[in-house]
Amino acid sequence: MKNKKSKISFAQALQLIVPYAKGKVIEQIKAVSVIVIYLVLFQLLILRLPIQQAGIITLGIVLVVIGLAFFIDGLNLGVMP
């Protein structure tokens, strides 16, 4: 008997992936936000330095959140049964 492959469209694939990925990214935002808030407050209140290049810093934080989401998901799939 020949295996039948399920064919789904790109839109259907997105409907499956987006809710899953959204939940994973939100978990990482919650984890990273505490550290980011602490560092921002420390720089502004203790060091009394302005935040320069906020756009680049924001991009870096977004990339960290996405990278952590991929890492934790890979860790869950590969290491933890």
Protein backbone atom coordinates (compact mmCIF):
# COMPACT_ATOMS: atom_id res chain seq x y z
CA MET A 1 0.00 0.00 0.00
CA LYS A 2 1.36 3.38 -1.00
CA ASN A 3 1.59 6.15 1.59
CA LYS A 4 -0.63 9.11 0.86
CA LYS A 5 0.75 12.52 1.64
CA SER A 6 -1.51 15.21 2.96
CA LYS A 7 -1.42 18.33 0.88
CA ILE A 8 -2.08 21.61 2.59
CA SER A 9 -1.81 25.11 1.27
CA PHE A 10 0.55 27.74 2.58
CA ALA A 11 -2.35 29.56 4.24
CA GLN A 12 -3.41 26.36 6.04
CA ALA A 13 0.16 25.78 7.19
CA LEU A 14 0.27 29.30 8.62
CA GLN A 15 -3.01 28.70 10.41
CA LEU A 16 -1.37 25.75 12.13
CA ILE A 17 1.99 27.33 12.88
CA VAL A 18 1.12 30.91 13.92
CA PRO A 19 -0.85 30.11 17.11
CA TYR A 20 1.86 27.70 18.25
CA ALA A 21 4.69 30.13 17.50
CA LYS A 22 2.78 33.03 19.02
CA GLY A 23 2.50 31.21 22.34
CA LYS A 24 6.21 30.36 22.36
CA VAL A 25 7.24 33.94 21.56
CA ILE A 26 4.94 35.35 24.27
CA GLU A 27 6.59 33.04 26.83
CA GLN A 28 10.00 34.41 25.87
CA ILE A 29 8.80 38.02 25.94
CA LYS A 30 7.67 37.46 29.53
CA ALA A 31 11.07 35.99 30.41
CA VAL A 32 13.16 38.68 28.71
CA SER A 33 11.02 41.69 29.70
CA VAL A 34 12.10 41.56 33.34
CA ILE A 35 15.78 41.72 32.39
CA VAL A 36 15.20 44.48 29.83
CA ILE A 37 13.20 46.61 32.27
CA TYR A 38 15.91 46.18 34.90
CA LEU A 39 18.69 47.19 32.51
CA VAL A 40 16.78 50.21 31.20
CA LEU A 41 15.97 51.45 34.70
CA PHE A 42 19.56 50.87 35.84
CA GLN A 43 20.94 52.87 32.93
CA LEU A 44 18.47 55.72 33.32
CA LEU A 45 18.24 56.00 37.11
CA ILE A 46 21.60 54.81 38.44
CA LEU A 47 24.05 55.59 35.63
CA ARG A 48 22.01 58.59 34.43
CA LEU A 49 22.91 57.91 30.81
CA PRO A 50 20.54 58.35 27.89
CA ILE A 51 19.66 55.34 25.78
CA GLN A 52 21.40 55.79 22.46
CA GLN A 53 20.55 53.84 19.30
CA ALA A 54 17.24 52.57 20.70
CA GLY A 55 16.25 51.12 17.32
CA ILE A 56 19.27 48.82 17.17
CA ILE A 57 18.74 47.79 20.80
CA THR A 58 15.08 47.00 20.10
CA LEU A 59 16.01 44.94 17.05
CA GLY A 60 18.52 43.03 19.17
CA ILE A 61 15.92 42.31 21.84
CA VAL A 62 13.46 41.07 19.20
CA LEU A 63 16.11 38.75 17.76
CA VAL A 64 16.95 37.46 21.24
CA VAL A 65 13.28 36.66 21.90
CA ILE A 66 12.91 34.80 18.60
CA GLY A 67 16.20 32.96 19.10
CA LEU A 68 15.22 31.89 22.61
CA ALA A 69 11.86 30.64 21.35
CA PHE A 70 13.60 28.46 18.75
CA PHE A 71 16.21 27.29 21.26
CA ILE A 72 13.71 26.31 23.97
CA ASP A 73 11.47 24.57 21.45
CA GLY A 74 14.44 22.64 20.05
CA LEU A 75 15.54 21.76 23.57
CA ASN A 76 12.07 20.45 24.38
CA LEU A 77 11.97 18.36 21.21
CA GLY A 78 15.53 17.05 21.34
CA VAL A 79 16.42 16.56 24.97
CA MET A 80 13.28 16.35 27.03
CA PRO A 81 11.07 13.38 26.20
